[in-house]
Amino acid sequence: MLSDAGVEQANALADCLADEQIKRLFVTPLRRTHQTAAPLMEATGLEPTVIDELAEVRLGEWEGGEFRVRVEQGDPLVRLIFKQERWDVIPGAESLESLGRRVRAGVERIVEGTGPDAVAVAISHGGVIGELCRQATESRPFAFVHMDNGSVSRLVVHAGGKWMLRSFNETSHLTVRTGPSG
């Protein structure tokens, strides 16, 4: 369930994107992406398509909020994850290679389902967005691991299949509606 702040962010996101010529809307299997997409669905009349491949990084033994708990507790393994820039430092977690293939397959499904010269919106998760941005820029693994909830990152997929990151972590729509964070 989205918090009150999450609902405000979802409404601000819908306000930000509602005037764009969106052809398709995509979400992940996780409920919070459906809830985030709800105001945009109302504004555009679009029904979302679920893209399983864009679900959050699989964190093995740290699923279900355990990762956040470990971060807050200062677990030394968290530091190792970020030092090595690998999720699979966590027992049973997804490797970067697996995540990379999955994210690429998800984007390819979106492109195929949307068609050329069209805009799609995908509501996804931080780790997946970070991987998508990494692939688009060919940067190091965790270069884009931190972004704000409700932010917008824009990816252009060219006809030849090359990805270009147009923007990352746009938040001006959140500041206007919900005030500055901090």
C-alpha atoms as a PDB file:
ATOM      1  CA  MET A   1       0.000   0.000   0.000  1.00  0.00           C
ATOM      2  CA  LEU A   2       1.355   3.424  -0.907  1.00  0.00           C
ATOM      3  CA  SER A   3       1.909   5.842   1.945  1.00  0.00           C
ATOM      4  CA  ASP A   4       0.242   9.260   1.871  1.00  0.00           C
ATOM      5  CA  ALA A   5       3.483  10.651   0.443  1.00  0.00           C
ATOM      6  CA  GLY A   6       3.456   7.907  -2.213  1.00  0.00           C
ATOM      7  CA  VAL A   7      -0.105   8.816  -3.219  1.00  0.00           C
ATOM      8  CA  GLU A   8       0.918  12.476  -3.531  1.00  0.00           C
ATOM      9  CA  GLN A   9       3.918  11.464  -5.649  1.00  0.00           C
ATOM     10  CA  ALA A  10       1.685   9.322  -7.888  1.00  0.00           C
ATOM     11  CA  ASN A  11      -0.716  12.237  -8.389  1.00  0.00           C
ATOM     12  CA  ALA A  12       2.183  14.579  -9.169  1.00  0.00           C
ATOM     13  CA  LEU A  13       3.565  12.050 -11.638  1.00  0.00           C
ATOM     14  CA  ALA A  14       0.192  11.833 -13.386  1.00  0.00           C
ATOM     15  CA  ASP A  15      -0.016  15.637 -13.565  1.00  0.00           C
ATOM     16  CA  CYS A  16       3.484  15.727 -15.044  1.00  0.00           C
ATOM     17  CA  LEU A  17       2.843  13.091 -17.718  1.00  0.00           C
ATOM     18  CA  ALA A  18      -0.866  13.496 -18.519  1.00  0.00           C
ATOM     19  CA  ASP A  19      -0.346  15.932 -21.415  1.00  0.00           C
ATOM     20  CA  GLU A  20       2.212  13.740 -23.165  1.00  0.00           C
ATOM     21  CA  GLN A  21       1.010  11.601 -26.052  1.00  0.00           C
ATOM     22  CA  ILE A  22       1.339   8.300 -24.200  1.00  0.00           C
ATOM     23  CA  LYS A  23       0.470   5.279 -26.293  1.00  0.00           C
ATOM     24  CA  ARG A  24       1.047   2.514 -23.727  1.00  0.00           C
ATOM     25  CA  LEU A  25       1.351   2.185 -19.970  1.00  0.00           C
ATOM     26  CA  PHE A  26       3.313  -0.595 -18.267  1.00  0.00           C
ATOM     27  CA  VAL A  27       3.628  -1.732 -14.648  1.00  0.00           C
ATOM     28  CA  THR A  28       5.314  -4.581 -12.820  1.00  0.00           C
ATOM     29  CA  PRO A  29       3.595  -7.404 -10.933  1.00  0.00           C
ATOM     30  CA  LEU A  30       4.094  -5.571  -7.628  1.00  0.00           C
ATOM     31  CA  ARG A  31       1.044  -3.754  -6.264  1.00  0.00           C
ATOM     32  CA  ARG A  32       2.836  -0.474  -5.617  1.00  0.00           C
ATOM     33  CA  THR A  33       3.442   0.095  -9.335  1.00  0.00           C
ATOM     34  CA  HIS A  34      -0.268  -0.430 -10.044  1.00  0.00           C
ATOM     35  CA  GLN A  35      -1.127   2.064  -7.292  1.00  0.00           C
ATOM     36  CA  THR A  36       1.416   4.549  -8.635  1.00  0.00           C
ATOM     37  CA  ALA A  37      -0.029   4.191 -12.139  1.00  0.00           C
ATOM     38  CA  ALA A  38      -3.667   4.638 -11.013  1.00  0.00           C
ATOM     39  CA  PRO A  39      -3.815   8.458 -11.298  1.00  0.00           C
ATOM     40  CA  LEU A  40      -2.162   8.312 -14.733  1.00  0.00           C
ATOM     41  CA  MET A  41      -4.630   5.624 -15.804  1.00  0.00           C
ATOM     42  CA  GLU A  42      -7.472   7.917 -14.740  1.00  0.00           C
ATOM     43  CA  ALA A  43      -5.974  10.910 -16.565  1.00  0.00           C
ATOM     44  CA  THR A  44      -5.261   9.056 -19.823  1.00  0.00           C
ATOM     45  CA  GLY A  45      -7.780   6.209 -19.937  1.00  0.00           C
ATOM     46  CA  LEU A  46      -4.931   3.759 -20.528  1.00  0.00           C
ATOM     47  CA  GLU A  47      -4.979   0.279 -19.012  1.00  0.00           C
ATOM     48  CA  PRO A  48      -1.553  -0.951 -17.943  1.00  0.00           C
ATOM     49  CA  THR A  49       0.188  -4.046 -19.219  1.00  0.00           C
ATOM     50  CA  VAL A  50       2.239  -6.021 -16.691  1.00  0.00           C
ATOM     51  CA  ILE A  51       5.899  -6.536 -17.598  1.00  0.00           C
ATOM     52  CA  ASP A  52       7.258  -9.193 -15.259  1.00  0.00           C
ATOM     53  CA  GLU A  53      10.844  -8.518 -16.326  1.00  0.00           C
ATOM     54  CA  LEU A  54      10.785  -5.028 -14.797  1.00  0.00           C
ATOM     55  CA  ALA A  55      10.028  -6.230 -11.251  1.00  0.00           C
ATOM     56  CA  GLU A  56      12.512  -5.113  -8.615  1.00  0.00           C
ATOM     57  CA  VAL A  57      15.932  -6.729  -8.202  1.00  0.00           C
ATOM     58  CA  ARG A  58      15.520 -10.161  -6.658  1.00  0.00           C
ATOM     59  CA  LEU A  59      17.214  -9.899  -3.275  1.00  0.00           C
ATOM     60  CA  GLY A  60      17.195 -13.549  -2.213  1.00  0.00           C
ATOM     61  CA  GLU A  61      17.260 -13.858   1.573  1.00  0.00           C
ATOM     62  CA  TRP A  62      16.708 -10.097   1.899  1.00  0.00           C
ATOM     63  CA  GLU A  63      13.303  -9.927   0.177  1.00  0.00           C
ATOM     64  CA  GLY A  64      10.190  -8.507   1.807  1.00  0.00           C
ATOM     65  CA  GLY A  65      11.698  -5.352   3.285  1.00  0.00           C
ATOM     66  CA  GLU A  66      14.712  -7.089   4.826  1.00  0.00           C
ATOM     67  CA  PHE A  67      17.065  -5.014   2.639  1.00  0.00           C
ATOM     68  CA  ARG A  68      15.697  -1.735   4.062  1.00  0.00           C
ATOM     69  CA  VAL A  69      15.993  -3.082   7.600  1.00  0.00           C
ATOM     70  CA  ARG A  70      19.611  -4.111   7.010  1.00  0.00           C
ATOM     71  CA  VAL A  71      20.446  -0.705   5.524  1.00  0.00           C
ATOM     72  CA  GLU A  72      18.949   1.080   8.538  1.00  0.00           C
ATOM     73  CA  GLN A  73      20.849  -1.214  10.918  1.00  0.00           C
ATOM     74  CA  GLY A  74      24.144  -0.553   9.138  1.00  0.00           C
ATOM     75  CA  ASP A  75      24.702  -4.205   8.255  1.00  0.00           C
ATOM     76  CA  PRO A  76      28.326  -4.584   7.039  1.00  0.00           C
ATOM     77  CA  LEU A  77      27.113  -6.665   4.093  1.00  0.00           C
ATOM     78  CA  VAL A  78      25.281  -3.572   2.788  1.00  0.00           C
ATOM     79  CA  ARG A  79      28.590  -1.722   2.545  1.00  0.00           C
ATOM     80  CA  LEU A  80      30.043  -4.702   0.669  1.00  0.00           C
ATOM     81  CA  ILE A  81      27.132  -4.678  -1.801  1.00  0.00           C
ATOM     82  CA  PHE A  82      27.852  -1.063  -2.697  1.00  0.00           C
ATOM     83  CA  LYS A  83      31.627  -1.466  -2.629  1.00  0.00           C
ATOM     84  CA  GLN A  84      31.498  -4.440  -5.011  1.00  0.00           C
ATOM     85  CA  GLU A  85      28.497  -3.039  -6.916  1.00  0.00           C
ATOM     86  CA  ARG A  86      26.797  -6.440  -6.969  1.00  0.00           C
ATOM     87  CA  TRP A  87      23.407  -7.519  -5.642  1.00  0.00           C
ATOM     88  CA  ASP A  88      24.421 -11.159  -5.406  1.00  0.00           C
ATOM     89  CA  VAL A  89      26.577 -10.418  -2.380  1.00  0.00           C
ATOM     90  CA  ILE A  90      23.245 -11.078  -0.626  1.00  0.00           C
ATOM     91  CA  PRO A  91      22.692 -14.841  -0.287  1.00  0.00           C
ATOM     92  CA  GLY A  92      20.363 -16.021  -3.054  1.00  0.00           C
ATOM     93  CA  ALA A  93      20.164 -12.600  -4.731  1.00  0.00           C
ATOM     94  CA  GLU A  94      20.128 -11.989  -8.460  1.00  0.00           C
ATOM     95  CA  SER A  95      23.407 -11.515 -10.318  1.00  0.00           C
ATOM     96  CA  LEU A  96      24.067  -8.401 -12.386  1.00  0.00           C
ATOM     97  CA  GLU A  97      24.110 -10.564 -15.502  1.00  0.00           C
ATOM     98  CA  SER A  98      20.678 -12.008 -14.759  1.00  0.00           C
ATOM     99  CA  LEU A  99      19.259  -8.583 -13.900  1.00  0.00           C
ATOM    100  CA  GLY A 100      20.757  -7.110 -17.067  1.00  0.00           C
ATOM    101  CA  ARG A 101      19.233  -9.764 -19.317  1.00  0.00           C
ATOM    102  CA  ARG A 102      15.863  -9.452 -17.603  1.00  0.00           C
ATOM    103  CA  VAL A 103      15.740  -5.649 -17.840  1.00  0.00           C
ATOM    104  CA  ARG A 104      16.787  -5.717 -21.503  1.00  0.00           C
ATOM    105  CA  ALA A 105      14.066  -8.285 -22.261  1.00  0.00           C
ATOM    106  CA  GLY A 106      11.500  -6.099 -20.477  1.00  0.00           C
ATOM    107  CA  VAL A 107      12.442  -3.013 -22.468  1.00  0.00           C
ATOM    108  CA  GLU A 108      12.340  -5.042 -25.690  1.00  0.00           C
ATOM    109  CA  ARG A 109       8.783  -6.168 -24.803  1.00  0.00           C
ATOM    110  CA  ILE A 110       7.785  -2.540 -24.232  1.00  0.00           C
ATOM    111  CA  VAL A 111       9.281  -1.420 -27.550  1.00  0.00           C
ATOM    112  CA  GLU A 112       7.605  -4.286 -29.388  1.00  0.00           C
ATOM    113  CA  GLY A 113       4.255  -3.578 -27.739  1.00  0.00           C
ATOM    114  CA  THR A 114       4.415   0.168 -28.277  1.00  0.00           C
ATOM    115  CA  GLY A 115       5.766   0.458 -31.799  1.00  0.00           C
ATOM    116  CA  PRO A 116       7.977   3.079 -33.423  1.00  0.00           C
ATOM    117  CA  ASP A 117       7.848   6.810 -32.752  1.00  0.00           C
ATOM    118  CA  ALA A 118       5.570   6.398 -29.747  1.00  0.00           C
ATOM    119  CA  VAL A 119       5.774   7.174 -26.047  1.00  0.00           C
ATOM    120  CA  ALA A 120       5.351   4.515 -23.381  1.00  0.00           C
ATOM    121  CA  VAL A 121       5.414   4.936 -19.619  1.00  0.00           C
ATOM    122  CA  ALA A 122       6.717   2.137 -17.419  1.00  0.00           C
ATOM    123  CA  ILE A 123       6.261   2.370 -13.670  1.00  0.00           C
ATOM    124  CA  SER A 124       9.074   0.312 -12.198  1.00  0.00           C
ATOM    125  CA  HIS A 125      11.533   0.078  -9.286  1.00  0.00           C
ATOM    126  CA  GLY A 126      14.808   1.703  -8.293  1.00  0.00           C
ATOM    127  CA  GLY A 127      17.170  -1.189  -8.902  1.00  0.00           C
ATOM    128  CA  VAL A 128      15.656  -1.880 -12.313  1.00  0.00           C
ATOM    129  CA  ILE A 129      15.690   1.784 -13.323  1.00  0.00           C
ATOM    130  CA  GLY A 130      19.329   1.953 -12.245  1.00  0.00           C
ATOM    131  CA  GLU A 131      20.167  -1.051 -14.407  1.00  0.00           C
ATOM    132  CA  LEU A 132      18.264   0.368 -17.363  1.00  0.00           C
ATOM    133  CA  CYS A 133      20.209   3.635 -17.067  1.00  0.00           C
ATOM    134  CA  ARG A 134      23.487   1.740 -16.683  1.00  0.00           C
ATOM    135  CA  GLN A 135      22.862  -0.180 -19.883  1.00  0.00           C
ATOM    136  CA  ALA A 136      21.868   2.957 -21.784  1.00  0.00           C
ATOM    137  CA  THR A 137      25.051   4.767 -20.763  1.00  0.00           C
ATOM    138  CA  GLU A 138      27.377   1.746 -20.556  1.00  0.00           C
ATOM    139  CA  SER A 139      28.435   2.931 -17.097  1.00  0.00           C
ATOM    140  CA  ARG A 140      29.573   1.043 -14.012  1.00  0.00           C
ATOM    141  CA  PRO A 141      27.014  -1.227 -12.304  1.00  0.00           C
ATOM    142  CA  PHE A 142      25.712   1.023  -9.515  1.00  0.00           C
ATOM    143  CA  ALA A 143      26.169   4.420 -11.179  1.00  0.00           C
ATOM    144  CA  PHE A 144      22.399   5.028 -11.119  1.00  0.00           C
ATOM    145  CA  VAL A 145      21.437   3.079  -8.017  1.00  0.00           C
ATOM    146  CA  HIS A 146      19.907   6.039  -6.136  1.00  0.00           C
ATOM    147  CA  MET A 147      16.847   7.929  -7.360  1.00  0.00           C
ATOM    148  CA  ASP A 148      13.773   9.535  -5.826  1.00  0.00           C
ATOM    149  CA  ASN A 149      10.404   7.808  -5.612  1.00  0.00           C
ATOM    150  CA  GLY A 150       8.046   9.257  -8.188  1.00  0.00           C
ATOM    151  CA  SER A 151      10.874  10.647 -10.297  1.00  0.00           C
ATOM    152  CA  VAL A 152      10.962  10.426 -14.090  1.00  0.00           C
ATOM    153  CA  SER A 153      13.822   9.013 -16.125  1.00  0.00           C
ATOM    154  CA  ARG A 154      13.523   9.062 -19.908  1.00  0.00           C
ATOM    155  CA  LEU A 155      14.927   6.426 -22.240  1.00  0.00           C
ATOM    156  CA  VAL A 156      14.902   6.630 -26.025  1.00  0.00           C
ATOM    157  CA  VAL A 157      15.197   3.364 -27.915  1.00  0.00           C
ATOM    158  CA  HIS A 158      16.333   4.012 -31.480  1.00  0.00           C
ATOM    159  CA  ALA A 159      15.162   1.934 -34.440  1.00  0.00           C
ATOM    160  CA  GLY A 160      18.481   0.075 -34.523  1.00  0.00           C
ATOM    161  CA  GLY A 161      18.028  -0.946 -30.900  1.00  0.00           C
ATOM    162  CA  LYS A 162      20.528   1.501 -29.340  1.00  0.00           C
ATOM    163  CA  TRP A 163      19.406   2.990 -26.038  1.00  0.00           C
ATOM    164  CA  MET A 164      19.922   6.628 -25.082  1.00  0.00           C
ATOM    165  CA  LEU A 165      19.282   7.991 -21.600  1.00  0.00           C
ATOM    166  CA  ARG A 166      17.529  11.322 -22.172  1.00  0.00           C
ATOM    167  CA  SER A 167      17.115  12.231 -18.490  1.00  0.00           C
ATOM    168  CA  PHE A 168      17.516  10.729 -15.043  1.00  0.00           C
ATOM    169  CA  ASN A 169      15.661  11.373 -11.789  1.00  0.00           C
ATOM    170  CA  GLU A 170      13.530  14.347 -12.865  1.00  0.00           C
ATOM    171  CA  THR A 171      11.777  15.585  -9.724  1.00  0.00           C
ATOM    172  CA  SER A 172      10.574  19.128 -10.412  1.00  0.00           C
ATOM    173  CA  HIS A 173       6.967  17.879 -10.553  1.00  0.00           C
ATOM    174  CA  LEU A 174       7.355  16.501  -7.027  1.00  0.00           C
ATOM    175  CA  THR A 175       8.769  19.735  -5.622  1.00  0.00           C
ATOM    176  CA  VAL A 176       5.960  21.814  -7.107  1.00  0.00           C
ATOM    177  CA  ARG A 177       3.168  19.618  -5.758  1.00  0.00           C
ATOM    178  CA  THR A 178       4.542  18.208  -2.518  1.00  0.00           C
ATOM    179  CA  GLY A 179       7.149  20.817  -1.591  1.00  0.00           C
ATOM    180  CA  PRO A 180      10.880  20.286  -1.285  1.00  0.00           C
ATOM    181  CA  SER A 181      12.000  17.190   0.555  1.00  0.00           C
ATOM    182  CA  GLY A 182      14.522  17.300   3.268  1.00  0.00           C
END
